[in-house]
């Protein structure tokens, strides 16, 4: 019987890092960013590739290499070559949506191997959360030694969350916030996800509001300076630079840019004071899984999504 390990990582940087540390086994690098854009439950399909290709090309001018996508997933077809699978994903929403999808894919392909999770986040003695690629060699090896074997309940939970995320009612994710599982940061990620929908008071999602607060409260010299700030202080979202750049662009109606600094204009201050709902002016119509974010708003008092007024019927 083989003792070979299949490592599924959250990106090329981590795969390269693990190779540098001479981790044994084969690697499947997950390149997708499923926290944004439409998704369907069945992943290794032409339908999935087409909807992701259309989305990534429209919003980020990225084209999917279809051959490479199917070729990388082809390693699962030879799963008999492995004795276990180790999933390397981080504490944030970006990684957790991908993680739920990967586990669901393995279920769809009827993979029965033991699954282990290596997940970084809070590090003892350090203030900030850390990604796997930010860990020192000793820290990474310690995480690996303390990897968690996922049980049947964990796997069913991941598959249920992925199915719900691909569906039309994301309020169905709310009960999972209270569930106990081996996914230490999942509860926080699901809370963060619901707050990605426009707030019913001002039309800003939580991260958009945070970006305006950063401009208000700090001496931000340029959009590039703002980008770095947001990347480092975005909580549980885990967005990459292209995603944050897009968000900053959407918020341009609130920002005055001079040679010296960025400042909020009147609209920006009104938005932070909940004086007006700006969701239509921002017009961030991106889709999350099965639903368009503009069709729902997050009601803080009810702690759930409600249909936008013009979408109640």
C-alpha atoms as a PDB file:
ATOM      1  CA  UNK A   1       0.000   0.000   0.000  1.00  0.00           C
ATOM      2  CA  UNK A   2       1.282   3.466  -0.905  1.00  0.00           C
ATOM      3  CA  UNK A   3       2.188   6.061   1.736  1.00  0.00           C
ATOM      4  CA  UNK A   4       2.279   8.905  -0.771  1.00  0.00           C
ATOM      5  CA  UNK A   5       0.647  12.196   0.212  1.00  0.00           C
ATOM      6  CA  UNK A   6      -1.363  14.560  -1.983  1.00  0.00           C
ATOM      7  CA  UNK A   7      -1.025  18.177  -0.819  1.00  0.00           C
ATOM      8  CA  UNK A   8      -3.725  20.614  -1.979  1.00  0.00           C
ATOM      9  CA  UNK A   9      -2.496  24.160  -1.402  1.00  0.00           C
ATOM     10  CA  UNK A  10      -4.069  27.591  -1.514  1.00  0.00           C
ATOM     11  CA  UNK A  11      -1.658  29.016  -4.098  1.00  0.00           C
ATOM     12  CA  UNK A  12       1.632  28.816  -5.972  1.00  0.00           C
ATOM     13  CA  UNK A  13       3.611  30.713  -3.329  1.00  0.00           C
ATOM     14  CA  UNK A  14       2.814  28.140  -0.676  1.00  0.00           C
ATOM     15  CA  UNK A  15       3.437  25.226  -3.061  1.00  0.00           C
ATOM     16  CA  UNK A  16       6.873  26.664  -3.824  1.00  0.00           C
ATOM     17  CA  UNK A  17       7.574  27.174  -0.113  1.00  0.00           C
ATOM     18  CA  UNK A  18       6.657  23.568   0.717  1.00  0.00           C
ATOM     19  CA  UNK A  19       8.846  22.326  -2.137  1.00  0.00           C
ATOM     20  CA  UNK A  20      11.750  24.399  -0.816  1.00  0.00           C
ATOM     21  CA  UNK A  21      11.270  22.673   2.538  1.00  0.00           C
ATOM     22  CA  UNK A  22      11.358  19.290   0.771  1.00  0.00           C
ATOM     23  CA  UNK A  23       7.874  18.153   1.744  1.00  0.00           C
ATOM     24  CA  UNK A  24       7.320  14.729   0.234  1.00  0.00           C
ATOM     25  CA  UNK A  25       4.333  13.958  -1.969  1.00  0.00           C
ATOM     26  CA  UNK A  26       2.562  15.531  -4.928  1.00  0.00           C
ATOM     27  CA  UNK A  27       0.930  18.945  -5.127  1.00  0.00           C
ATOM     28  CA  UNK A  28      -2.356  20.225  -6.495  1.00  0.00           C
ATOM     29  CA  UNK A  29      -2.322  24.033  -6.395  1.00  0.00           C
ATOM     30  CA  UNK A  30      -5.749  25.672  -6.137  1.00  0.00           C
ATOM     31  CA  UNK A  31      -5.695  28.915  -8.123  1.00  0.00           C
ATOM     32  CA  UNK A  32      -9.351  29.936  -8.069  1.00  0.00           C
ATOM     33  CA  UNK A  33     -10.924  32.787  -6.049  1.00  0.00           C
ATOM     34  CA  UNK A  34     -14.416  31.438  -5.510  1.00  0.00           C
ATOM     35  CA  UNK A  35     -15.285  34.048  -2.884  1.00  0.00           C
ATOM     36  CA  UNK A  36     -16.304  36.258  -5.818  1.00  0.00           C
ATOM     37  CA  UNK A  37     -18.334  35.557  -8.914  1.00  0.00           C
ATOM     38  CA  UNK A  38     -20.967  32.963  -9.812  1.00  0.00           C
ATOM     39  CA  UNK A  39     -20.458  29.331  -8.899  1.00  0.00           C
ATOM     40  CA  UNK A  40     -22.242  26.037  -9.465  1.00  0.00           C
ATOM     41  CA  UNK A  41     -22.137  23.067  -7.128  1.00  0.00           C
ATOM     42  CA  UNK A  42     -20.506  20.641  -9.591  1.00  0.00           C
ATOM     43  CA  UNK A  43     -16.922  21.818 -10.012  1.00  0.00           C
ATOM     44  CA  UNK A  44     -15.099  19.599 -12.516  1.00  0.00           C
ATOM     45  CA  UNK A  45     -17.554  20.430 -15.308  1.00  0.00           C
ATOM     46  CA  UNK A  46     -17.679  22.509 -18.464  1.00  0.00           C
ATOM     47  CA  UNK A  47     -20.465  24.636 -16.963  1.00  0.00           C
ATOM     48  CA  UNK A  48     -18.239  25.585 -14.029  1.00  0.00           C
ATOM     49  CA  UNK A  49     -15.333  26.511 -16.318  1.00  0.00           C
ATOM     50  CA  UNK A  50     -17.531  28.644 -18.576  1.00  0.00           C
ATOM     51  CA  UNK A  51     -19.193  30.700 -15.844  1.00  0.00           C
ATOM     52  CA  UNK A  52     -15.846  31.268 -14.127  1.00  0.00           C
ATOM     53  CA  UNK A  53     -14.162  32.184 -17.397  1.00  0.00           C
ATOM     54  CA  UNK A  54     -16.875  34.753 -18.178  1.00  0.00           C
ATOM     55  CA  UNK A  55     -16.702  36.286 -14.696  1.00  0.00           C
ATOM     56  CA  UNK A  56     -12.922  36.510 -14.409  1.00  0.00           C
ATOM     57  CA  UNK A  57     -12.608  37.966 -17.888  1.00  0.00           C
ATOM     58  CA  UNK A  58     -15.315  40.592 -17.318  1.00  0.00           C
ATOM     59  CA  UNK A  59     -14.258  41.787 -13.865  1.00  0.00           C
ATOM     60  CA  UNK A  60     -10.498  41.145 -13.827  1.00  0.00           C
ATOM     61  CA  UNK A  61      -9.447  40.625 -17.438  1.00  0.00           C
ATOM     62  CA  UNK A  62      -8.216  37.130 -16.519  1.00  0.00           C
ATOM     63  CA  UNK A  63      -8.649  34.163 -18.835  1.00  0.00           C
ATOM     64  CA  UNK A  64      -8.912  30.605 -17.518  1.00  0.00           C
ATOM     65  CA  UNK A  65      -6.593  28.075 -19.104  1.00  0.00           C
ATOM     66  CA  UNK A  66      -9.172  25.325 -19.500  1.00  0.00           C
ATOM     67  CA  UNK A  67      -6.637  22.625 -20.315  1.00  0.00           C
ATOM     68  CA  UNK A  68      -4.530  23.510 -17.291  1.00  0.00           C
ATOM     69  CA  UNK A  69      -7.603  23.544 -15.041  1.00  0.00           C
ATOM     70  CA  UNK A  70      -8.733  20.047 -16.051  1.00  0.00           C
ATOM     71  CA  UNK A  71      -5.166  18.743 -16.159  1.00  0.00           C
ATOM     72  CA  UNK A  72      -4.495  19.874 -12.575  1.00  0.00           C
ATOM     73  CA  UNK A  73      -7.700  18.270 -11.320  1.00  0.00           C
ATOM     74  CA  UNK A  74      -6.727  15.114 -13.199  1.00  0.00           C
ATOM     75  CA  UNK A  75      -4.540  14.120 -10.264  1.00  0.00           C
ATOM     76  CA  UNK A  76      -7.746  13.217  -8.430  1.00  0.00           C
ATOM     77  CA  UNK A  77      -8.515  10.623 -11.117  1.00  0.00           C
ATOM     78  CA  UNK A  78      -5.421   8.744  -9.944  1.00  0.00           C
ATOM     79  CA  UNK A  79      -6.269   9.087  -6.275  1.00  0.00           C
ATOM     80  CA  UNK A  80      -5.432   5.406  -5.683  1.00  0.00           C
ATOM     81  CA  UNK A  81      -1.784   6.501  -5.779  1.00  0.00           C
ATOM     82  CA  UNK A  82      -2.176   8.291  -2.424  1.00  0.00           C
ATOM     83  CA  UNK A  83      -2.768   7.319   1.179  1.00  0.00           C
ATOM     84  CA  UNK A  84      -3.977  10.690   2.480  1.00  0.00           C
ATOM     85  CA  UNK A  85      -4.749  14.261   1.419  1.00  0.00           C
ATOM     86  CA  UNK A  86      -3.521  17.342   3.258  1.00  0.00           C
ATOM     87  CA  UNK A  87      -5.376  20.603   2.716  1.00  0.00           C
ATOM     88  CA  UNK A  88      -3.332  23.780   3.223  1.00  0.00           C
ATOM     89  CA  UNK A  89      -5.680  26.765   3.636  1.00  0.00           C
ATOM     90  CA  UNK A  90      -5.743  29.894   5.779  1.00  0.00           C
ATOM     91  CA  UNK A  91      -8.059  31.591   8.259  1.00  0.00           C
ATOM     92  CA  UNK A  92      -9.775  34.029   5.877  1.00  0.00           C
ATOM     93  CA  UNK A  93     -12.949  34.009   3.790  1.00  0.00           C
ATOM     94  CA  UNK A  94     -11.010  33.830   0.499  1.00  0.00           C
ATOM     95  CA  UNK A  95      -9.403  30.555   1.602  1.00  0.00           C
ATOM     96  CA  UNK A  96     -12.441  29.113   3.357  1.00  0.00           C
ATOM     97  CA  UNK A  97     -14.740  29.369   0.333  1.00  0.00           C
ATOM     98  CA  UNK A  98     -12.050  27.631  -1.726  1.00  0.00           C
ATOM     99  CA  UNK A  99     -11.615  25.042   1.040  1.00  0.00           C
ATOM    100  CA  UNK A 100     -15.336  24.244   1.109  1.00  0.00           C
ATOM    101  CA  UNK A 101     -15.250  23.853  -2.672  1.00  0.00           C
ATOM    102  CA  UNK A 102     -12.206  21.552  -2.635  1.00  0.00           C
ATOM    103  CA  UNK A 103     -13.742  19.261  -0.016  1.00  0.00           C
ATOM    104  CA  UNK A 104     -16.990  19.188  -2.004  1.00  0.00           C
ATOM    105  CA  UNK A 105     -15.061  18.338  -5.171  1.00  0.00           C
ATOM    106  CA  UNK A 106     -13.407  15.401  -3.404  1.00  0.00           C
ATOM    107  CA  UNK A 107     -16.847  14.235  -2.295  1.00  0.00           C
ATOM    108  CA  UNK A 108     -18.228  14.620  -5.813  1.00  0.00           C
ATOM    109  CA  UNK A 109     -15.359  12.475  -7.077  1.00  0.00           C
ATOM    110  CA  UNK A 110     -16.097   9.907  -4.341  1.00  0.00           C
ATOM    111  CA  UNK A 111     -12.641  10.224  -2.796  1.00  0.00           C
ATOM    112  CA  UNK A 112     -12.555   8.268   0.469  1.00  0.00           C
ATOM    113  CA  UNK A 113      -9.011   9.009   1.653  1.00  0.00           C
ATOM    114  CA  UNK A 114      -8.324  10.552   5.076  1.00  0.00           C
ATOM    115  CA  UNK A 115      -8.378  14.364   4.878  1.00  0.00           C
ATOM    116  CA  UNK A 116      -6.151  16.524   7.054  1.00  0.00           C
ATOM    117  CA  UNK A 117      -6.279  20.308   7.430  1.00  0.00           C
ATOM    118  CA  UNK A 118      -3.338  22.645   8.029  1.00  0.00           C
ATOM    119  CA  UNK A 119      -4.780  26.095   8.737  1.00  0.00           C
ATOM    120  CA  UNK A 120      -2.904  29.174   9.882  1.00  0.00           C
ATOM    121  CA  UNK A 121      -4.306  32.171  11.682  1.00  0.00           C
ATOM    122  CA  UNK A 122      -3.620  33.318  15.199  1.00  0.00           C
ATOM    123  CA  UNK A 123      -0.049  32.637  16.317  1.00  0.00           C
ATOM    124  CA  UNK A 124       0.730  32.426  20.016  1.00  0.00           C
ATOM    125  CA  UNK A 125       2.673  35.467  21.185  1.00  0.00           C
ATOM    126  CA  UNK A 126       1.969  37.509  18.030  1.00  0.00           C
ATOM    127  CA  UNK A 127      -0.579  40.256  17.533  1.00  0.00           C
ATOM    128  CA  UNK A 128      -1.588  39.753  13.906  1.00  0.00           C
ATOM    129  CA  UNK A 129      -2.976  36.716  12.135  1.00  0.00           C
ATOM    130  CA  UNK A 130      -0.570  35.100   9.683  1.00  0.00           C
ATOM    131  CA  UNK A 131      -0.952  33.302   6.391  1.00  0.00           C
ATOM    132  CA  UNK A 132       0.819  30.005   5.806  1.00  0.00           C
ATOM    133  CA  UNK A 133       3.402  31.624   3.564  1.00  0.00           C
ATOM    134  CA  UNK A 134       4.227  34.133   6.315  1.00  0.00           C
ATOM    135  CA  UNK A 135       5.152  31.461   8.831  1.00  0.00           C
ATOM    136  CA  UNK A 136       8.768  30.687   9.620  1.00  0.00           C
ATOM    137  CA  UNK A 137      10.044  27.229   8.770  1.00  0.00           C
ATOM    138  CA  UNK A 138       9.688  26.066  12.370  1.00  0.00           C
ATOM    139  CA  UNK A 139       6.174  27.522  12.653  1.00  0.00           C
ATOM    140  CA  UNK A 140       5.093  25.850   9.419  1.00  0.00           C
ATOM    141  CA  UNK A 141       6.507  22.501  10.475  1.00  0.00           C
ATOM    142  CA  UNK A 142       4.732  22.863  13.811  1.00  0.00           C
ATOM    143  CA  UNK A 143       1.438  23.513  11.997  1.00  0.00           C
ATOM    144  CA  UNK A 144       2.050  20.434   9.873  1.00  0.00           C
ATOM    145  CA  UNK A 145       2.788  18.269  12.902  1.00  0.00           C
ATOM    146  CA  UNK A 146      -0.461  19.475  14.497  1.00  0.00           C
ATOM    147  CA  UNK A 147      -2.635  19.038  11.417  1.00  0.00           C
ATOM    148  CA  UNK A 148      -6.260  18.115  12.095  1.00  0.00           C
ATOM    149  CA  UNK A 149      -7.931  15.059  10.617  1.00  0.00           C
ATOM    150  CA  UNK A 150     -11.371  15.997   9.348  1.00  0.00           C
ATOM    151  CA  UNK A 151     -14.187  13.722  10.461  1.00  0.00           C
ATOM    152  CA  UNK A 152     -17.339  12.801   8.566  1.00  0.00           C
ATOM    153  CA  UNK A 153     -19.273  15.621  10.220  1.00  0.00           C
ATOM    154  CA  UNK A 154     -16.678  18.178   9.075  1.00  0.00           C
ATOM    155  CA  UNK A 155     -16.831  16.889   5.508  1.00  0.00           C
ATOM    156  CA  UNK A 156     -20.621  16.953   5.442  1.00  0.00           C
ATOM    157  CA  UNK A 157     -20.564  20.490   6.859  1.00  0.00           C
ATOM    158  CA  UNK A 158     -18.187  21.707   4.147  1.00  0.00           C
ATOM    159  CA  UNK A 159     -20.284  20.144   1.399  1.00  0.00           C
ATOM    160  CA  UNK A 160     -23.484  21.661   2.823  1.00  0.00           C
ATOM    161  CA  UNK A 161     -21.947  25.128   3.035  1.00  0.00           C
ATOM    162  CA  UNK A 162     -20.669  24.919  -0.542  1.00  0.00           C
ATOM    163  CA  UNK A 163     -24.103  23.816  -1.781  1.00  0.00           C
ATOM    164  CA  UNK A 164     -25.760  26.673   0.122  1.00  0.00           C
ATOM    165  CA  UNK A 165     -23.209  29.195  -1.154  1.00  0.00           C
ATOM    166  CA  UNK A 166     -24.023  28.123  -4.713  1.00  0.00           C
ATOM    167  CA  UNK A 167     -27.738  28.531  -3.961  1.00  0.00           C
ATOM    168  CA  UNK A 168     -30.152  31.458  -3.831  1.00  0.00           C
ATOM    169  CA  UNK A 169     -30.627  31.962  -0.081  1.00  0.00           C
ATOM    170  CA  UNK A 170     -27.473  32.847   1.829  1.00  0.00           C
ATOM    171  CA  UNK A 171     -29.432  33.359   5.041  1.00  0.00           C
ATOM    172  CA  UNK A 172     -29.315  29.557   5.174  1.00  0.00           C
ATOM    173  CA  UNK A 173     -25.641  29.979   6.084  1.00  0.00           C
ATOM    174  CA  UNK A 174     -26.537  31.636   9.375  1.00  0.00           C
ATOM    175  CA  UNK A 175     -27.159  28.428  11.400  1.00  0.00           C
ATOM    176  CA  UNK A 176     -23.671  27.200  10.448  1.00  0.00           C
ATOM    177  CA  UNK A 177     -22.173  30.182  12.286  1.00  0.00           C
ATOM    178  CA  UNK A 178     -23.115  28.490  15.563  1.00  0.00           C
ATOM    179  CA  UNK A 179     -21.885  25.017  14.629  1.00  0.00           C
ATOM    180  CA  UNK A 180     -18.759  23.538  16.188  1.00  0.00           C
ATOM    181  CA  UNK A 181     -16.333  21.928  13.761  1.00  0.00           C
ATOM    182  CA  UNK A 182     -12.655  21.398  12.998  1.00  0.00           C
ATOM    183  CA  UNK A 183     -12.745  24.617  10.935  1.00  0.00           C
ATOM    184  CA  UNK A 184     -11.629  26.984  13.670  1.00  0.00           C
ATOM    185  CA  UNK A 185     -12.217  30.193  11.716  1.00  0.00           C
ATOM    186  CA  UNK A 186     -15.295  29.199   9.693  1.00  0.00           C
ATOM    187  CA  UNK A 187     -17.770  30.939  11.999  1.00  0.00           C
ATOM    188  CA  UNK A 188     -15.968  34.268  11.635  1.00  0.00           C
ATOM    189  CA  UNK A 189     -15.684  33.833   7.857  1.00  0.00           C
ATOM    190  CA  UNK A 190     -19.427  33.212   7.477  1.00  0.00           C
ATOM    191  CA  UNK A 191     -20.187  36.335   9.529  1.00  0.00           C
ATOM    192  CA  UNK A 192     -17.799  38.308   7.316  1.00  0.00           C
ATOM    193  CA  UNK A 193     -19.471  36.932   4.200  1.00  0.00           C
ATOM    194  CA  UNK A 194     -22.953  38.132   5.167  1.00  0.00           C
ATOM    195  CA  UNK A 195     -21.511  41.591   5.790  1.00  0.00           C
ATOM    196  CA  UNK A 196     -20.217  41.696   2.191  1.00  0.00           C
ATOM    197  CA  UNK A 197     -23.736  42.649   1.152  1.00  0.00           C
ATOM    198  CA  UNK A 198     -24.671  46.352   1.219  1.00  0.00           C
ATOM    199  CA  UNK A 199     -25.621  47.640   4.647  1.00  0.00           C
ATOM    200  CA  UNK A 200     -29.302  48.598   4.701  1.00  0.00           C
ATOM    201  CA  UNK A 201     -28.439  52.032   6.149  1.00  0.00           C
ATOM    202  CA  UNK A 202     -25.659  53.320   3.882  1.00  0.00           C
ATOM    203  CA  UNK A 203     -25.327  50.804   1.030  1.00  0.00           C
ATOM    204  CA  UNK A 204     -21.704  50.025   1.898  1.00  0.00           C
ATOM    205  CA  UNK A 205     -20.509  46.541   2.707  1.00  0.00           C
ATOM    206  CA  UNK A 206     -18.276  46.085   5.748  1.00  0.00           C
ATOM    207  CA  UNK A 207     -14.999  46.264   3.845  1.00  0.00           C
ATOM    208  CA  UNK A 208     -16.082  49.265   1.769  1.00  0.00           C
ATOM    209  CA  UNK A 209     -16.972  51.082   4.988  1.00  0.00           C
ATOM    210  CA  UNK A 210     -13.613  50.066   6.445  1.00  0.00           C
ATOM    211  CA  UNK A 211     -11.788  51.531   3.437  1.00  0.00           C
ATOM    212  CA  UNK A 212     -13.541  54.883   3.873  1.00  0.00           C
ATOM    213  CA  UNK A 213     -12.744  54.820   7.597  1.00  0.00           C
ATOM    214  CA  UNK A 214      -9.070  54.230   6.806  1.00  0.00           C
ATOM    215  CA  UNK A 215      -9.059  57.339   4.589  1.00  0.00           C
ATOM    216  CA  UNK A 216     -10.878  59.384   7.242  1.00  0.00           C
ATOM    217  CA  UNK A 217      -8.674  58.338  10.139  1.00  0.00           C
ATOM    218  CA  UNK A 218      -5.217  58.148   8.531  1.00  0.00           C
ATOM    219  CA  UNK A 219      -2.876  60.245   6.419  1.00  0.00           C
ATOM    220  CA  UNK A 220      -3.216  58.273   3.167  1.00  0.00           C
ATOM    221  CA  UNK A 221      -0.936  59.653   0.471  1.00  0.00           C
ATOM    222  CA  UNK A 222      -2.214  57.809  -2.618  1.00  0.00           C
ATOM    223  CA  UNK A 223      -4.370  54.930  -3.850  1.00  0.00           C
ATOM    224  CA  UNK A 224      -1.286  52.748  -3.823  1.00  0.00           C
ATOM    225  CA  UNK A 225      -0.718  53.663  -0.158  1.00  0.00           C
ATOM    226  CA  UNK A 226      -4.394  52.902   0.534  1.00  0.00           C
ATOM    227  CA  UNK A 227      -4.083  49.527  -1.206  1.00  0.00           C
ATOM    228  CA  UNK A 228      -1.238  48.480   1.078  1.00  0.00           C
ATOM    229  CA  UNK A 229      -3.146  49.625   4.136  1.00  0.00           C
ATOM    230  CA  UNK A 230      -6.281  47.659   3.227  1.00  0.00           C
ATOM    231  CA  UNK A 231      -4.337  44.515   2.309  1.00  0.00           C
ATOM    232  CA  UNK A 232      -2.765  44.514   5.775  1.00  0.00           C
ATOM    233  CA  UNK A 233      -5.890  45.485   7.728  1.00  0.00           C
ATOM    234  CA  UNK A 234      -8.870  43.706   6.189  1.00  0.00           C
ATOM    235  CA  UNK A 235      -9.782  41.260   8.946  1.00  0.00           C
ATOM    236  CA  UNK A 236     -11.178  37.946   7.796  1.00  0.00           C
ATOM    237  CA  UNK A 237     -11.597  38.731   4.081  1.00  0.00           C
ATOM    238  CA  UNK A 238      -8.191  37.767   2.717  1.00  0.00           C
ATOM    239  CA  UNK A 239      -8.675  39.582  -0.586  1.00  0.00           C
ATOM    240  CA  UNK A 240      -5.803  39.949  -3.028  1.00  0.00           C
ATOM    241  CA  UNK A 241      -4.526  43.168  -4.547  1.00  0.00           C
ATOM    242  CA  UNK A 242      -6.630  42.948  -7.728  1.00  0.00           C
ATOM    243  CA  UNK A 243      -9.787  42.603  -5.637  1.00  0.00           C
ATOM    244  CA  UNK A 244      -8.925  45.535  -3.382  1.00  0.00           C
ATOM    245  CA  UNK A 245      -7.982  47.704  -6.377  1.00  0.00           C
ATOM    246  CA  UNK A 246     -11.401  47.036  -7.859  1.00  0.00           C
ATOM    247  CA  UNK A 247     -13.109  47.969  -4.590  1.00  0.00           C
ATOM    248  CA  UNK A 248     -11.152  51.225  -4.323  1.00  0.00           C
ATOM    249  CA  UNK A 249     -12.160  52.052  -7.883  1.00  0.00           C
ATOM    250  CA  UNK A 250     -15.830  51.477  -7.033  1.00  0.00           C
ATOM    251  CA  UNK A 251     -15.499  53.878  -4.095  1.00  0.00           C
ATOM    252  CA  UNK A 252     -14.099  56.738  -6.182  1.00  0.00           C
ATOM    253  CA  UNK A 253     -17.377  58.678  -5.826  1.00  0.00           C
ATOM    254  CA  UNK A 254     -16.493  59.160  -2.134  1.00  0.00           C
ATOM    255  CA  UNK A 255     -12.849  60.138  -2.536  1.00  0.00           C
ATOM    256  CA  UNK A 256     -10.998  63.335  -3.443  1.00  0.00           C
ATOM    257  CA  UNK A 257      -7.433  62.745  -4.646  1.00  0.00           C
ATOM    258  CA  UNK A 258      -4.796  65.482  -4.606  1.00  0.00           C
ATOM    259  CA  UNK A 259      -1.039  65.397  -5.145  1.00  0.00           C
ATOM    260  CA  UNK A 260      -0.529  65.078  -1.390  1.00  0.00           C
ATOM    261  CA  UNK A 261      -3.259  62.766  -0.073  1.00  0.00           C
ATOM    262  CA  UNK A 262      -6.661  61.118  -0.304  1.00  0.00           C
ATOM    263  CA  UNK A 263      -9.608  62.651   1.509  1.00  0.00           C
ATOM    264  CA  UNK A 264     -13.289  61.863   1.810  1.00  0.00           C
ATOM    265  CA  UNK A 265     -15.688  64.208   0.011  1.00  0.00           C
ATOM    266  CA  UNK A 266     -19.152  65.114   1.266  1.00  0.00           C
ATOM    267  CA  UNK A 267     -20.640  61.849   0.006  1.00  0.00           C
ATOM    268  CA  UNK A 268     -17.959  59.893   1.834  1.00  0.00           C
ATOM    269  CA  UNK A 269     -18.739  61.541   5.144  1.00  0.00           C
ATOM    270  CA  UNK A 270     -22.493  61.160   4.552  1.00  0.00           C
ATOM    271  CA  UNK A 271     -22.026  57.444   3.885  1.00  0.00           C
ATOM    272  CA  UNK A 272     -20.148  56.937   7.165  1.00  0.00           C
ATOM    273  CA  UNK A 273     -22.873  58.894   8.993  1.00  0.00           C
ATOM    274  CA  UNK A 274     -25.605  56.707   7.411  1.00  0.00           C
ATOM    275  CA  UNK A 275     -27.174  59.782   5.819  1.00  0.00           C
ATOM    276  CA  UNK A 276     -28.020  58.027   2.552  1.00  0.00           C
ATOM    277  CA  UNK A 277     -28.008  54.563   0.963  1.00  0.00           C
ATOM    278  CA  UNK A 278     -25.424  54.680  -1.833  1.00  0.00           C
ATOM    279  CA  UNK A 279     -25.656  51.074  -3.066  1.00  0.00           C
ATOM    280  CA  UNK A 280     -27.040  52.073  -6.479  1.00  0.00           C
ATOM    281  CA  UNK A 281     -24.382  54.728  -6.976  1.00  0.00           C
ATOM    282  CA  UNK A 282     -21.572  52.318  -6.125  1.00  0.00           C
ATOM    283  CA  UNK A 283     -23.248  49.740  -8.377  1.00  0.00           C
ATOM    284  CA  UNK A 284     -21.029  46.898  -7.270  1.00  0.00           C
ATOM    285  CA  UNK A 285     -23.123  44.185  -8.918  1.00  0.00           C
ATOM    286  CA  UNK A 286     -20.677  41.338  -8.379  1.00  0.00           C
ATOM    287  CA  UNK A 287     -22.113  37.911  -7.644  1.00  0.00           C
ATOM    288  CA  UNK A 288     -21.314  35.754  -4.635  1.00  0.00           C
ATOM    289  CA  UNK A 289     -21.949  32.129  -5.463  1.00  0.00           C
ATOM    290  CA  UNK A 290     -25.610  31.856  -6.392  1.00  0.00           C
ATOM    291  CA  UNK A 291     -26.770  35.435  -5.787  1.00  0.00           C
ATOM    292  CA  UNK A 292     -26.073  38.991  -6.907  1.00  0.00           C
ATOM    293  CA  UNK A 293     -25.020  41.170  -3.978  1.00  0.00           C
ATOM    294  CA  UNK A 294     -27.181  44.118  -5.109  1.00  0.00           C
ATOM    295  CA  UNK A 295     -30.361  42.064  -4.705  1.00  0.00           C
ATOM    296  CA  UNK A 296     -29.855  41.844  -0.949  1.00  0.00           C
ATOM    297  CA  UNK A 297     -28.847  44.103   1.892  1.00  0.00           C
ATOM    298  CA  UNK A 298     -27.485  43.259   5.314  1.00  0.00           C
ATOM    299  CA  UNK A 299     -29.750  44.402   8.115  1.00  0.00           C
ATOM    300  CA  UNK A 300     -27.585  44.852  11.189  1.00  0.00           C
ATOM    301  CA  UNK A 301     -30.530  44.941  13.598  1.00  0.00           C
ATOM    302  CA  UNK A 302     -31.962  41.654  12.302  1.00  0.00           C
ATOM    303  CA  UNK A 303     -28.469  40.261  11.639  1.00  0.00           C
ATOM    304  CA  UNK A 304     -29.538  38.797   8.300  1.00  0.00           C
ATOM    305  CA  UNK A 305     -29.932  39.528   4.613  1.00  0.00           C
ATOM    306  CA  UNK A 306     -33.111  41.190   3.427  1.00  0.00           C
ATOM    307  CA  UNK A 307     -34.218  41.679  -0.146  1.00  0.00           C
ATOM    308  CA  UNK A 308     -33.461  45.093  -1.578  1.00  0.00           C
ATOM    309  CA  UNK A 309     -36.677  47.107  -1.861  1.00  0.00           C
ATOM    310  CA  UNK A 310     -36.894  46.900  -5.633  1.00  0.00           C
ATOM    311  CA  UNK A 311     -36.337  43.124  -5.417  1.00  0.00           C
ATOM    312  CA  UNK A 312     -38.911  42.183  -2.785  1.00  0.00           C
ATOM    313  CA  UNK A 313     -41.239  40.471  -5.234  1.00  0.00           C
END
